[in-house]
Every structure is written in structure tokens, then in C-alpha cells.
Amino acid sequence: MSVSLPLSAATASTDIGTRPQVNDPDRPLIEQCLAGHPNGFRELYQRHQQRVRSLLFQLCGAVALDDLVQEVFLRAWKGLKGLKHEAKFSTWLYRIAWNVACDYRRQLAMRKSRHQQYLYHRESLTPGLDLRQLHYEDLVQRGLATLPLEYRSVLVMHDLQGLPQKEIAEILGIPVGTVKSRLFRARGTLRTYFTEAGVSL
């Protein structure tokens, strides 16, 4: 899959010395983009597209996955000049992906469409509800599909994507305490689901 980019972009002047900055490895590529070099954005795409694709797949399924990924990076390209120096690119990009996922699901609800969702889990997970110990991948997928989006998104980002709770809070625009409570409830709901299915965690 390729991303079509304009050959040039408007330059953006920033007073770096007066703004707090985060230690963001993507910042040099962002500066290239703002200076009118589209190759910088192509490299940003290569760095982040797999994780964005994984997140969207887990939240929205496979039906429109390519279009959703394309939409995320198109919005990122258009909004790059508005990215503040104190913001981390990956967190900002996840926020865009979350918004794209929400927009897509709202459109599905309005059309009353039902698409089968295929969810999977990564091999590398963070501590918590240890899905790696389960050999019933289909059961895991069906269990995740029973969670409301606000719970599933937190569980996916934390336990499957490995994001810290603070970053998830920034992505979703909610307090860290809300992230913790949603994660707790999501894990509890999954445990109940697995117990009823005869699986011991």
C-alpha cells in the first residue's frame, strides 16, 4: 500500500527555543515535512503504519481497513503543521486513528450495517490479563468483540499494543483514572466471559 503525497508542502516556521519539547525520535522527519520534503512523511508512514493498522483492525475489523489506514495518514499529513512541539507524534497519530475509528463506527451505526469483526492479539503483551497463556484464539477474539468500544480500545492499547496508561489517556482525551477503571472493567468482563466458556485464567 502506498500513500499519495503532494510534491511540496508549505513551510512552517517555529520558534523552537521558546517552546518545551519532548524527546521525540520522529521530530527530525516532521521538520523535513514542514520544510517541504515529502520523503520525510513517507518514512513516518513506514515507521508507524503497522501499529496504526493493527489498532484499527482490532477496533474496526478488516472490511474497510485499507481505507481507514489511508484516512489516518491523510489527516496526519494535512494536520502536521498544527502539531505542537511539546506533543509526541506517535501519541498524536494514535489520537487521529482513534477519531477515524469512532467516525467509521458511527457511520456503520447510521447505516445499520453489520460487519463481522476479526480481532487478534499480538505475541508480545504487557502484564495484566495474560492473553498469551490462552490457546483459544477464536475465543479471545469473540471475547474482545463483546466489549464496548470504550473498554475494548483501552484494553487493546494497553494489553495488546503495550502503551502506558498516561499515553492512552492523552490519546483518548480522558483522565488516567478513567483509563484505569475501564481497563479494570474490561479485564473483569473478559474473565467472566472466559469463565462462562469454561476457560480458567
N, C-alpha and C. Protein backbone atom coordinates (compact mmCIF):
# COMPACT_ATOMS: atom_id res chain seq x y z
N MET A 1 0.84 -1.19 0.00
CA MET A 1 0.00 0.00 0.00
C MET A 1 0.87 1.24 0.00
N SER A 2 0.54 2.23 -0.77
CA SER A 2 1.32 3.45 -0.83
C SER A 2 0.45 4.63 -0.47
N VAL A 3 1.09 5.68 0.00
CA VAL A 3 0.38 6.89 0.36
C VAL A 3 0.73 7.96 -0.65
N SER A 4 -0.28 8.54 -1.29
CA SER A 4 -0.05 9.59 -2.27
C SER A 4 0.14 10.90 -1.54
N LEU A 5 1.26 11.55 -1.78
CA LEU A 5 1.58 12.79 -1.10
C LEU A 5 1.79 13.90 -2.11
N PRO A 6 1.48 15.13 -1.73
CA PRO A 6 1.79 16.25 -2.60
C PRO A 6 3.29 16.40 -2.74
N LEU A 7 3.72 16.98 -3.85
CA LEU A 7 5.15 17.12 -4.10
C LEU A 7 5.78 18.18 -3.22
N SER A 8 4.98 19.07 -2.69
CA SER A 8 5.53 20.11 -1.84
C SER A 8 4.55 20.42 -0.74
N ALA A 9 5.05 21.00 0.33
CA ALA A 9 4.19 21.39 1.44
C ALA A 9 4.63 22.76 1.91
N ALA A 10 3.69 23.50 2.44
CA ALA A 10 4.02 24.84 2.91
C ALA A 10 4.98 24.75 4.07
N THR A 11 5.98 25.61 4.08
CA THR A 11 6.92 25.61 5.18
C THR A 11 6.29 26.23 6.39
N ALA A 12 6.74 25.81 7.55
CA ALA A 12 6.21 26.34 8.80
C ALA A 12 7.37 26.75 9.68
N SER A 13 7.39 27.99 10.09
CA SER A 13 8.45 28.47 10.97
C SER A 13 8.04 28.28 12.40
N THR A 14 8.94 27.79 13.23
CA THR A 14 8.65 27.55 14.63
C THR A 14 9.77 28.10 15.48
N ASP A 15 9.41 28.71 16.56
CA ASP A 15 10.40 29.24 17.48
C ASP A 15 10.71 28.16 18.51
N ILE A 16 11.63 27.25 18.13
CA ILE A 16 11.91 26.09 18.95
C ILE A 16 12.46 26.48 20.31
N GLY A 17 13.21 27.56 20.35
CA GLY A 17 13.86 27.93 21.59
C GLY A 17 12.90 28.34 22.68
N THR A 18 11.68 28.74 22.33
CA THR A 18 10.74 29.23 23.33
C THR A 18 9.67 28.21 23.67
N ARG A 19 9.74 27.01 23.10
CA ARG A 19 8.71 26.01 23.35
C ARG A 19 9.31 24.77 24.00
N PRO A 20 8.64 24.22 25.00
CA PRO A 20 9.12 22.96 25.57
C PRO A 20 8.95 21.84 24.56
N GLN A 21 9.91 20.93 24.50
CA GLN A 21 9.86 19.86 23.53
C GLN A 21 10.00 18.51 24.23
N VAL A 22 9.39 17.51 23.65
CA VAL A 22 9.55 16.16 24.15
C VAL A 22 10.66 15.49 23.35
N ASN A 23 11.21 14.44 23.91
CA ASN A 23 12.24 13.68 23.22
C ASN A 23 11.57 12.75 22.23
N ASP A 24 11.31 13.26 21.05
CA ASP A 24 10.55 12.54 20.04
C ASP A 24 11.47 12.17 18.88
N PRO A 25 11.73 10.87 18.66
CA PRO A 25 12.61 10.47 17.55
C PRO A 25 12.06 10.82 16.18
N ASP A 26 10.77 11.13 16.12
CA ASP A 26 10.15 11.49 14.83
C ASP A 26 10.31 12.96 14.49
N ARG A 27 10.79 13.77 15.43
CA ARG A 27 10.85 15.21 15.20
C ARG A 27 11.67 15.60 13.98
N PRO A 28 12.86 14.99 13.72
CA PRO A 28 13.61 15.38 12.52
C PRO A 28 12.83 15.14 11.23
N LEU A 29 12.07 14.05 11.18
CA LEU A 29 11.27 13.76 9.99
C LEU A 29 10.13 14.76 9.86
N ILE A 30 9.56 15.16 10.98
CA ILE A 30 8.50 16.17 10.96
C ILE A 30 9.03 17.48 10.40
N GLU A 31 10.23 17.86 10.84
CA GLU A 31 10.83 19.09 10.35
C GLU A 31 11.10 19.00 8.84
N GLN A 32 11.47 17.82 8.37
CA GLN A 32 11.65 17.64 6.93
C GLN A 32 10.34 17.89 6.19
N CYS A 33 9.26 17.33 6.73
CA CYS A 33 7.94 17.51 6.11
C CYS A 33 7.57 18.98 6.05
N LEU A 34 7.76 19.67 7.17
CA LEU A 34 7.39 21.08 7.24
C LEU A 34 8.26 21.94 6.34
N ALA A 35 9.45 21.43 6.00
CA ALA A 35 10.34 22.16 5.09
C ALA A 35 10.04 21.84 3.63
N GLY A 36 9.02 21.00 3.40
CA GLY A 36 8.61 20.72 2.02
C GLY A 36 9.21 19.48 1.41
N HIS A 37 9.69 18.53 2.24
CA HIS A 37 10.29 17.30 1.73
C HIS A 37 9.36 16.12 2.04
N PRO A 38 8.57 15.66 1.07
CA PRO A 38 7.60 14.59 1.31
C PRO A 38 8.22 13.26 1.70
N ASN A 39 9.51 13.05 1.40
CA ASN A 39 10.14 11.79 1.79
C ASN A 39 10.13 11.61 3.31
N GLY A 40 10.15 12.72 4.04
CA GLY A 40 10.08 12.63 5.49
C GLY A 40 8.79 11.99 5.95
N PHE A 41 7.69 12.35 5.30
CA PHE A 41 6.41 11.76 5.69
C PHE A 41 6.31 10.31 5.26
N ARG A 42 6.91 9.98 4.14
CA ARG A 42 6.91 8.58 3.72
C ARG A 42 7.61 7.70 4.76
N GLU A 43 8.68 8.23 5.34
CA GLU A 43 9.38 7.45 6.36
C GLU A 43 8.55 7.37 7.64
N LEU A 44 7.85 8.45 7.99
CA LEU A 44 6.94 8.40 9.13
C LEU A 44 5.87 7.33 8.91
N TYR A 45 5.38 7.27 7.69
CA TYR A 45 4.37 6.25 7.36
C TYR A 45 4.95 4.85 7.55
N GLN A 46 6.16 4.63 7.05
CA GLN A 46 6.77 3.32 7.18
C GLN A 46 6.99 2.94 8.64
N ARG A 47 7.33 3.92 9.46
CA ARG A 47 7.58 3.65 10.88
C ARG A 47 6.32 3.25 11.63
N HIS A 48 5.19 3.87 11.29
CA HIS A 48 4.01 3.78 12.15
C HIS A 48 2.82 3.05 11.53
N GLN A 49 2.85 2.75 10.25
CA GLN A 49 1.65 2.23 9.62
C GLN A 49 1.23 0.87 10.16
N GLN A 50 2.20 0.03 10.56
CA GLN A 50 1.83 -1.31 11.02
C GLN A 50 1.07 -1.25 12.34
N ARG A 51 1.50 -0.40 13.26
CA ARG A 51 0.81 -0.30 14.54
C ARG A 51 -0.55 0.38 14.38
N VAL A 52 -0.61 1.37 13.50
CA VAL A 52 -1.90 2.00 13.23
C VAL A 52 -2.86 0.99 12.60
N ARG A 53 -2.36 0.21 11.67
CA ARG A 53 -3.18 -0.82 11.03
C ARG A 53 -3.67 -1.84 12.05
N SER A 54 -2.78 -2.24 12.96
CA SER A 54 -3.16 -3.21 13.99
C SER A 54 -4.26 -2.66 14.88
N LEU A 55 -4.11 -1.41 15.32
CA LEU A 55 -5.11 -0.80 16.19
C LEU A 55 -6.46 -0.71 15.48
N LEU A 56 -6.47 -0.24 14.25
CA LEU A 56 -7.72 -0.10 13.51
C LEU A 56 -8.36 -1.46 13.24
N PHE A 57 -7.54 -2.46 12.98
CA PHE A 57 -8.06 -3.81 12.76
C PHE A 57 -8.76 -4.33 14.00
N GLN A 58 -8.17 -4.09 15.16
CA GLN A 58 -8.74 -4.57 16.41
C GLN A 58 -9.99 -3.80 16.81
N LEU A 59 -10.09 -2.55 16.39
CA LEU A 59 -11.24 -1.73 16.75
C LEU A 59 -12.36 -1.77 15.72
N CYS A 60 -12.00 -1.94 14.45
CA CYS A 60 -12.99 -1.79 13.38
C CYS A 60 -13.14 -3.01 12.48
N GLY A 61 -12.23 -3.97 12.57
CA GLY A 61 -12.31 -5.13 11.70
C GLY A 61 -11.58 -4.90 10.39
N ALA A 62 -11.76 -5.86 9.48
CA ALA A 62 -10.96 -5.88 8.26
C ALA A 62 -11.68 -5.32 7.03
N VAL A 63 -12.97 -5.05 7.15
CA VAL A 63 -13.77 -4.72 5.96
C VAL A 63 -13.23 -3.50 5.23
N ALA A 64 -12.96 -2.42 5.95
CA ALA A 64 -12.52 -1.17 5.32
C ALA A 64 -11.13 -0.77 5.81
N LEU A 65 -10.32 -1.74 6.18
CA LEU A 65 -9.06 -1.45 6.87
C LEU A 65 -8.13 -0.57 6.05
N ASP A 66 -7.93 -0.88 4.78
CA ASP A 66 -7.01 -0.09 3.96
C ASP A 66 -7.47 1.36 3.87
N ASP A 67 -8.77 1.56 3.70
CA ASP A 67 -9.30 2.92 3.60
C ASP A 67 -9.12 3.68 4.91
N LEU A 68 -9.29 2.99 6.03
CA LEU A 68 -9.14 3.64 7.33
C LEU A 68 -7.70 4.04 7.58
N VAL A 69 -6.77 3.16 7.25
CA VAL A 69 -5.35 3.49 7.41
C VAL A 69 -4.99 4.68 6.54
N GLN A 70 -5.48 4.67 5.30
CA GLN A 70 -5.22 5.79 4.40
C GLN A 70 -5.78 7.09 4.96
N GLU A 71 -6.96 7.03 5.56
CA GLU A 71 -7.59 8.22 6.12
C GLU A 71 -6.78 8.77 7.29
N VAL A 72 -6.26 7.88 8.12
CA VAL A 72 -5.45 8.32 9.27
C VAL A 72 -4.24 9.12 8.79
N PHE A 73 -3.52 8.58 7.82
CA PHE A 73 -2.29 9.26 7.39
C PHE A 73 -2.60 10.48 6.53
N LEU A 74 -3.73 10.48 5.86
CA LEU A 74 -4.12 11.68 5.13
C LEU A 74 -4.42 12.82 6.10
N ARG A 75 -5.15 12.51 7.18
CA ARG A 75 -5.43 13.53 8.19
C ARG A 75 -4.13 13.99 8.86
N ALA A 76 -3.23 13.06 9.09
CA ALA A 76 -1.96 13.42 9.71
C ALA A 76 -1.17 14.36 8.80
N TRP A 77 -1.14 14.05 7.52
CA TRP A 77 -0.41 14.90 6.57
C TRP A 77 -1.00 16.31 6.54
N LYS A 78 -2.32 16.38 6.50
CA LYS A 78 -2.98 17.69 6.42
C LYS A 78 -2.81 18.49 7.72
N GLY A 79 -2.73 17.79 8.84
CA GLY A 79 -2.68 18.48 10.12
C GLY A 79 -1.30 18.62 10.72
N LEU A 80 -0.28 18.21 9.98
CA LEU A 80 1.06 18.16 10.55
C LEU A 80 1.57 19.53 10.99
N LYS A 81 1.18 20.57 10.25
CA LYS A 81 1.65 21.91 10.62
C LYS A 81 1.10 22.36 11.97
N GLY A 82 -0.01 21.75 12.39
CA GLY A 82 -0.60 22.12 13.67
C GLY A 82 -0.07 21.32 14.85
N LEU A 83 0.84 20.37 14.60
CA LEU A 83 1.40 19.56 15.67
C LEU A 83 2.35 20.40 16.52
N LYS A 84 2.06 20.50 17.79
CA LYS A 84 2.86 21.32 18.68
C LYS A 84 4.17 20.62 19.02
N HIS A 85 5.19 21.42 19.33
CA HIS A 85 6.50 20.85 19.64
C HIS A 85 6.49 20.03 20.92
N GLU A 86 5.57 20.34 21.83
CA GLU A 86 5.53 19.58 23.07
C GLU A 86 4.74 18.29 22.94
N ALA A 87 4.18 18.04 21.75
CA ALA A 87 3.39 16.83 21.52
C ALA A 87 4.24 15.75 20.86
N LYS A 88 4.03 14.52 21.27
CA LYS A 88 4.72 13.39 20.67
C LYS A 88 3.96 12.93 19.44
N PHE A 89 4.65 12.71 18.34
CA PHE A 89 3.99 12.38 17.08
C PHE A 89 3.17 11.10 17.19
N SER A 90 3.73 10.06 17.80
CA SER A 90 3.02 8.78 17.86
C SER A 90 1.73 8.90 18.66
N THR A 91 1.75 9.66 19.76
CA THR A 91 0.53 9.87 20.55
C THR A 91 -0.50 10.63 19.74
N TRP A 92 -0.05 11.66 19.05
CA TRP A 92 -0.94 12.45 18.19
C TRP A 92 -1.53 11.59 17.08
N LEU A 93 -0.72 10.71 16.50
CA LEU A 93 -1.18 9.84 15.42
C LEU A 93 -2.21 8.83 15.93
N TYR A 94 -1.98 8.29 17.13
CA TYR A 94 -2.95 7.37 17.72
C TYR A 94 -4.28 8.08 17.97
N ARG A 95 -4.21 9.34 18.36
CA ARG A 95 -5.43 10.11 18.58
C ARG A 95 -6.21 10.24 17.27
N ILE A 96 -5.51 10.48 16.18
CA ILE A 96 -6.17 10.55 14.87
C ILE A 96 -6.79 9.20 14.53
N ALA A 97 -6.05 8.12 14.78
CA ALA A 97 -6.57 6.78 14.49
C ALA A 97 -7.83 6.49 15.31
N TRP A 98 -7.82 6.90 16.57
CA TRP A 98 -9.00 6.73 17.42
C TRP A 98 -10.19 7.49 16.84
N ASN A 99 -9.97 8.72 16.41
CA ASN A 99 -11.06 9.52 15.83
C ASN A 99 -11.59 8.89 14.55
N VAL A 100 -10.68 8.38 13.73
CA VAL A 100 -11.10 7.72 12.49
C VAL A 100 -11.93 6.48 12.81
N ALA A 101 -11.51 5.72 13.81
CA ALA A 101 -12.26 4.53 14.20
C ALA A 101 -13.66 4.90 14.70
N CYS A 102 -13.74 5.95 15.50
CA CYS A 102 -15.05 6.39 16.02
C CYS A 102 -15.95 6.86 14.88
N ASP A 103 -15.39 7.61 13.94
CA ASP A 103 -16.17 8.08 12.80
C ASP A 103 -16.71 6.91 11.99
N TYR A 104 -15.86 5.92 11.77
CA TYR A 104 -16.26 4.75 10.99
C TYR A 104 -17.39 4.00 11.68
N ARG A 105 -17.27 3.81 12.98
CA ARG A 105 -18.30 3.07 13.70
C ARG A 105 -19.61 3.84 13.75
N ARG A 106 -19.54 5.16 13.83
CA ARG A 106 -20.76 5.96 13.78
C ARG A 106 -21.45 5.82 12.43
N GLN A 107 -20.65 5.79 11.37
CA GLN A 107 -21.22 5.62 10.03
C GLN A 107 -21.90 4.27 9.90
N LEU A 108 -21.28 3.25 10.48
CA LEU A 108 -21.89 1.92 10.44
C LEU A 108 -23.23 1.91 11.18
N ALA A 109 -23.25 2.58 12.33
CA ALA A 109 -24.48 2.62 13.12
C ALA A 109 -25.58 3.36 12.38
N MET A 110 -25.22 4.45 11.71
CA MET A 110 -26.22 5.23 10.98
C MET A 110 -26.80 4.42 9.83
N ARG A 111 -25.99 3.63 9.18
CA ARG A 111 -26.47 2.80 8.06
C ARG A 111 -27.04 1.47 8.54
N LYS A 112 -26.93 1.23 9.85
CA LYS A 112 -27.38 -0.02 10.45
C LYS A 112 -26.73 -1.22 9.77
N SER A 113 -25.45 -1.02 9.44
CA SER A 113 -24.70 -2.10 8.81
C SER A 113 -24.03 -2.95 9.87
N ARG A 114 -23.90 -4.20 9.57
CA ARG A 114 -23.21 -5.11 10.49
C ARG A 114 -22.10 -5.82 9.73
N HIS A 115 -20.89 -5.56 10.17
CA HIS A 115 -19.75 -6.21 9.56
C HIS A 115 -19.08 -7.12 10.60
N GLN A 116 -18.73 -8.30 10.18
CA GLN A 116 -18.03 -9.20 11.09
C GLN A 116 -16.65 -8.64 11.39
N GLN A 117 -16.30 -8.64 12.66
CA GLN A 117 -15.02 -8.08 13.08
C GLN A 117 -14.05 -9.20 13.42
N TYR A 118 -12.86 -9.06 12.87
CA TYR A 118 -11.82 -10.05 13.14
C TYR A 118 -10.77 -9.40 14.03
N LEU A 119 -10.64 -9.93 15.23
CA LEU A 119 -9.72 -9.37 16.20
C LEU A 119 -8.62 -10.40 16.49
N TYR A 120 -7.46 -9.93 16.69
CA TYR A 120 -6.36 -10.83 17.01
C TYR A 120 -5.51 -10.21 18.10
N HIS A 121 -4.69 -11.00 18.70
CA HIS A 121 -3.79 -10.45 19.71
C HIS A 121 -2.35 -10.65 19.28
N ARG A 122 -1.50 -9.71 19.69
CA ARG A 122 -0.08 -9.76 19.36
C ARG A 122 0.65 -10.75 20.24
N GLU A 123 1.80 -11.18 19.78
CA GLU A 123 2.57 -12.13 20.57
C GLU A 123 3.16 -11.47 21.81
N SER A 124 3.50 -10.19 21.67
CA SER A 124 4.12 -9.50 22.79
C SER A 124 3.09 -8.68 23.53
N LEU A 125 2.80 -9.05 24.77
CA LEU A 125 1.79 -8.38 25.57
C LEU A 125 2.42 -7.85 26.85
N THR A 126 1.77 -6.86 27.44
CA THR A 126 2.21 -6.34 28.72
C THR A 126 1.55 -7.13 29.84
N PRO A 127 2.07 -7.03 31.07
CA PRO A 127 1.45 -7.75 32.19
C PRO A 127 0.02 -7.29 32.41
N GLY A 128 -0.77 -8.15 32.97
CA GLY A 128 -2.18 -7.85 33.21
C GLY A 128 -2.96 -9.11 32.96
N LEU A 129 -3.98 -9.02 32.17
CA LEU A 129 -4.72 -10.20 31.75
C LEU A 129 -3.87 -10.88 30.67
N ASP A 130 -3.20 -11.98 31.00
CA ASP A 130 -2.18 -12.55 30.13
C ASP A 130 -2.83 -13.40 29.06
N LEU A 131 -3.16 -12.79 27.94
CA LEU A 131 -3.79 -13.50 26.84
C LEU A 131 -2.83 -14.46 26.16
N ARG A 132 -1.54 -14.32 26.40
CA ARG A 132 -0.57 -15.23 25.79
C ARG A 132 -0.75 -16.65 26.30
N GLN A 133 -1.33 -16.80 27.49
CA GLN A 133 -1.49 -18.12 28.07
C GLN A 133 -2.69 -18.85 27.48
N LEU A 134 -3.48 -18.15 26.71
CA LEU A 134 -4.66 -18.79 26.13
C LEU A 134 -4.33 -19.38 24.77
N HIS A 135 -4.81 -20.59 24.54
CA HIS A 135 -4.61 -21.23 23.25
C HIS A 135 -5.90 -21.22 22.44
N TYR A 136 -6.89 -20.49 22.93
CA TYR A 136 -8.18 -20.44 22.27
C TYR A 136 -8.31 -19.07 21.59
N GLU A 137 -7.58 -18.88 20.50
CA GLU A 137 -7.55 -17.56 19.89
C GLU A 137 -8.93 -17.12 19.41
N ASP A 138 -9.69 -18.04 18.89
CA ASP A 138 -11.03 -17.67 18.43
C ASP A 138 -11.88 -17.21 19.60
N LEU A 139 -11.73 -17.87 20.74
CA LEU A 139 -12.47 -17.48 21.93
C LEU A 139 -12.04 -16.09 22.40
N VAL A 140 -10.75 -15.81 22.33
CA VAL A 140 -10.24 -14.48 22.70
C VAL A 140 -10.85 -13.42 21.80
N GLN A 141 -10.86 -13.69 20.51
CA GLN A 141 -11.41 -12.73 19.56
C GLN A 141 -12.88 -12.45 19.84
N ARG A 142 -13.64 -13.51 20.10
CA ARG A 142 -15.06 -13.33 20.37
C ARG A 142 -15.27 -12.62 21.71
N GLY A 143 -14.39 -12.89 22.67
CA GLY A 143 -14.49 -12.20 23.95
C GLY A 143 -14.24 -10.71 23.81
N LEU A 144 -13.22 -10.34 23.06
CA LEU A 144 -12.93 -8.92 22.83
C LEU A 144 -14.08 -8.23 22.11
N ALA A 145 -14.71 -8.96 21.20
CA ALA A 145 -15.80 -8.37 20.42
C ALA A 145 -17.02 -8.07 21.28
N THR A 146 -17.13 -8.68 22.46
CA THR A 146 -18.27 -8.41 23.33
C THR A 146 -18.10 -7.12 24.12
N LEU A 147 -16.89 -6.58 24.17
CA LEU A 147 -16.64 -5.39 24.98
C LEU A 147 -17.12 -4.13 24.26
N PRO A 148 -17.69 -3.18 24.99
CA PRO A 148 -17.99 -1.87 24.40
C PRO A 148 -16.72 -1.23 23.87
N LEU A 149 -16.84 -0.37 22.88
CA LEU A 149 -15.67 0.22 22.23
C LEU A 149 -14.76 0.93 23.23
N GLU A 150 -15.35 1.66 24.19
CA GLU A 150 -14.50 2.42 25.11
C GLU A 150 -13.68 1.51 26.02
N TYR A 151 -14.19 0.31 26.31
CA TYR A 151 -13.43 -0.65 27.10
C TYR A 151 -12.42 -1.40 26.22
N ARG A 152 -12.88 -1.83 25.05
CA ARG A 152 -12.01 -2.60 24.17
C ARG A 152 -10.81 -1.77 23.74
N SER A 153 -11.03 -0.47 23.45
CA SER A 153 -9.94 0.37 22.98
C SER A 153 -8.84 0.48 24.04
N VAL A 154 -9.24 0.65 25.31
CA VAL A 154 -8.25 0.76 26.38
C VAL A 154 -7.50 -0.57 26.55
N LEU A 155 -8.22 -1.67 26.52
CA LEU A 155 -7.58 -2.98 26.67
C LEU A 155 -6.63 -3.26 25.51
N VAL A 156 -7.06 -2.95 24.30
CA VAL A 156 -6.22 -3.19 23.12
C VAL A 156 -4.95 -2.34 23.19
N MET A 157 -5.12 -1.05 23.50
CA MET A 157 -3.95 -0.17 23.54
C MET A 157 -2.97 -0.56 24.64
N HIS A 158 -3.50 -0.97 25.80
CA HIS A 158 -2.62 -1.27 26.94
C HIS A 158 -2.08 -2.69 26.89
N ASP A 159 -2.97 -3.69 26.83
CA ASP A 159 -2.53 -5.07 26.95
C ASP A 159 -2.03 -5.66 25.63
N LEU A 160 -2.49 -5.13 24.50
CA LEU A 160 -2.07 -5.68 23.22
C LEU A 160 -1.05 -4.79 22.50
N GLN A 161 -1.23 -3.47 22.59
CA GLN A 161 -0.29 -2.56 21.94
C GLN A 161 0.86 -2.16 22.85
N GLY A 162 0.70 -2.33 24.15
CA GLY A 162 1.77 -2.03 25.09
C GLY A 162 1.95 -0.56 25.42
N LEU A 163 0.91 0.25 25.22
CA LEU A 163 1.02 1.68 25.53
C LEU A 163 0.82 1.92 27.02
N PRO A 164 1.55 2.87 27.61
CA PRO A 164 1.35 3.19 29.02
C PRO A 164 0.01 3.89 29.22
N GLN A 165 -0.50 3.81 30.44
CA GLN A 165 -1.82 4.38 30.73
C GLN A 165 -1.85 5.89 30.50
N LYS A 166 -0.77 6.57 30.82
CA LYS A 166 -0.74 8.03 30.64
C LYS A 166 -0.90 8.39 29.17
N GLU A 167 -0.23 7.66 28.29
CA GLU A 167 -0.33 7.96 26.86
C GLU A 167 -1.72 7.63 26.33
N ILE A 168 -2.31 6.54 26.82
CA ILE A 168 -3.67 6.20 26.42
C ILE A 168 -4.63 7.32 26.81
N ALA A 169 -4.43 7.87 28.00
CA ALA A 169 -5.27 8.97 28.46
C ALA A 169 -5.15 10.17 27.52
N GLU A 170 -3.93 10.46 27.06
CA GLU A 170 -3.73 11.56 26.13
C GLU A 170 -4.40 11.28 24.79
N ILE A 171 -4.29 10.04 24.33
CA ILE A 171 -4.88 9.68 23.04
C ILE A 171 -6.39 9.81 23.07
N LEU A 172 -7.00 9.31 24.13
CA LEU A 172 -8.46 9.29 24.22
C LEU A 172 -9.05 10.56 24.82
N GLY A 173 -8.19 11.41 25.37
CA GLY A 173 -8.68 12.65 25.96
C GLY A 173 -9.47 12.43 27.23
N ILE A 174 -9.03 11.47 28.04
CA ILE A 174 -9.71 11.15 29.30
C ILE A 174 -8.68 11.11 30.42
N PRO A 175 -9.12 11.23 31.69
CA PRO A 175 -8.17 11.15 32.81
C PRO A 175 -7.54 9.76 32.92
N VAL A 176 -6.36 9.71 33.52
CA VAL A 176 -5.69 8.43 33.73
C VAL A 176 -6.55 7.52 34.60
N GLY A 177 -7.25 8.11 35.57
CA GLY A 177 -8.12 7.31 36.43
C GLY A 177 -9.22 6.61 35.64
N THR A 178 -9.72 7.27 34.61
CA THR A 178 -10.75 6.65 33.76
C THR A 178 -10.15 5.50 32.96
N VAL A 179 -8.92 5.68 32.49
CA VAL A 179 -8.23 4.59 31.79
C VAL A 179 -8.12 3.38 32.70
N LYS A 180 -7.71 3.61 33.95
CA LYS A 180 -7.54 2.51 34.89
C LYS A 180 -8.85 1.79 35.16
N SER A 181 -9.93 2.56 35.35
CA SER A 181 -11.22 1.93 35.65
C SER A 181 -11.75 1.16 34.45
N ARG A 182 -11.57 1.70 33.24
CA ARG A 182 -12.03 0.99 32.05
C ARG A 182 -11.23 -0.28 31.82
N LEU A 183 -9.93 -0.20 32.08
CA LEU A 183 -9.08 -1.37 31.93
C LEU A 183 -9.48 -2.45 32.93
N PHE A 184 -9.76 -2.04 34.17
CA PHE A 184 -10.19 -2.98 35.20
C PHE A 184 -11.50 -3.66 34.81
N ARG A 185 -12.45 -2.87 34.32
CA ARG A 185 -13.75 -3.42 33.95
C ARG A 185 -13.64 -4.31 32.72
N ALA A 186 -12.80 -3.91 31.76
CA ALA A 186 -12.63 -4.72 30.55
C ALA A 186 -12.04 -6.08 30.90
N ARG A 187 -11.02 -6.07 31.76
CA ARG A 187 -10.41 -7.34 32.16
C ARG A 187 -11.41 -8.20 32.93
N GLY A 188 -12.18 -7.56 33.80
CA GLY A 188 -13.18 -8.30 34.57
C GLY A 188 -14.24 -8.92 33.67
N THR A 189 -14.68 -8.17 32.67
CA THR A 189 -15.68 -8.69 31.74
C THR A 189 -15.13 -9.87 30.95
N LEU A 190 -13.86 -9.75 30.53
CA LEU A 190 -13.25 -10.86 29.79
C LEU A 190 -13.09 -12.09 30.67
N ARG A 191 -12.68 -11.88 31.92
CA ARG A 191 -12.54 -13.01 32.83
C ARG A 191 -13.87 -13.74 33.01
N THR A 192 -14.93 -12.96 33.16
CA THR A 192 -16.26 -13.56 33.29
C THR A 192 -16.63 -14.34 32.04
N TYR A 193 -16.34 -13.74 30.89
CA TYR A 193 -16.65 -14.39 29.61
C TYR A 193 -15.90 -15.72 29.49
N PHE A 194 -14.61 -15.71 29.82
CA PHE A 194 -13.81 -16.92 29.71
C PHE A 194 -14.25 -17.97 30.73
N THR A 195 -14.60 -17.52 31.94
CA THR A 195 -15.05 -18.46 32.96
C THR A 195 -16.33 -19.16 32.52
N GLU A 196 -17.26 -18.39 31.96
CA GLU A 196 -18.51 -18.98 31.49
C GLU A 196 -18.28 -19.92 30.31
N ALA A 197 -17.17 -19.68 29.59
CA ALA A 197 -16.83 -20.56 28.47
C ALA A 197 -16.01 -21.76 28.91
N GLY A 198 -15.75 -21.85 30.22
CA GLY A 198 -15.02 -23.00 30.75
C GLY A 198 -13.52 -22.88 30.66
N VAL A 199 -13.01 -21.64 30.54
CA VAL A 199 -11.57 -21.42 30.45
C VAL A 199 -11.09 -20.80 31.75
N SER A 200 -10.07 -21.38 32.36
CA SER A 200 -9.51 -20.86 33.60
C SER A 200 -8.29 -20.00 33.27
N LEU A 201 -8.25 -18.80 33.86
CA LEU A 201 -7.12 -17.89 33.65
C LEU A 201 -6.13 -18.00 34.79
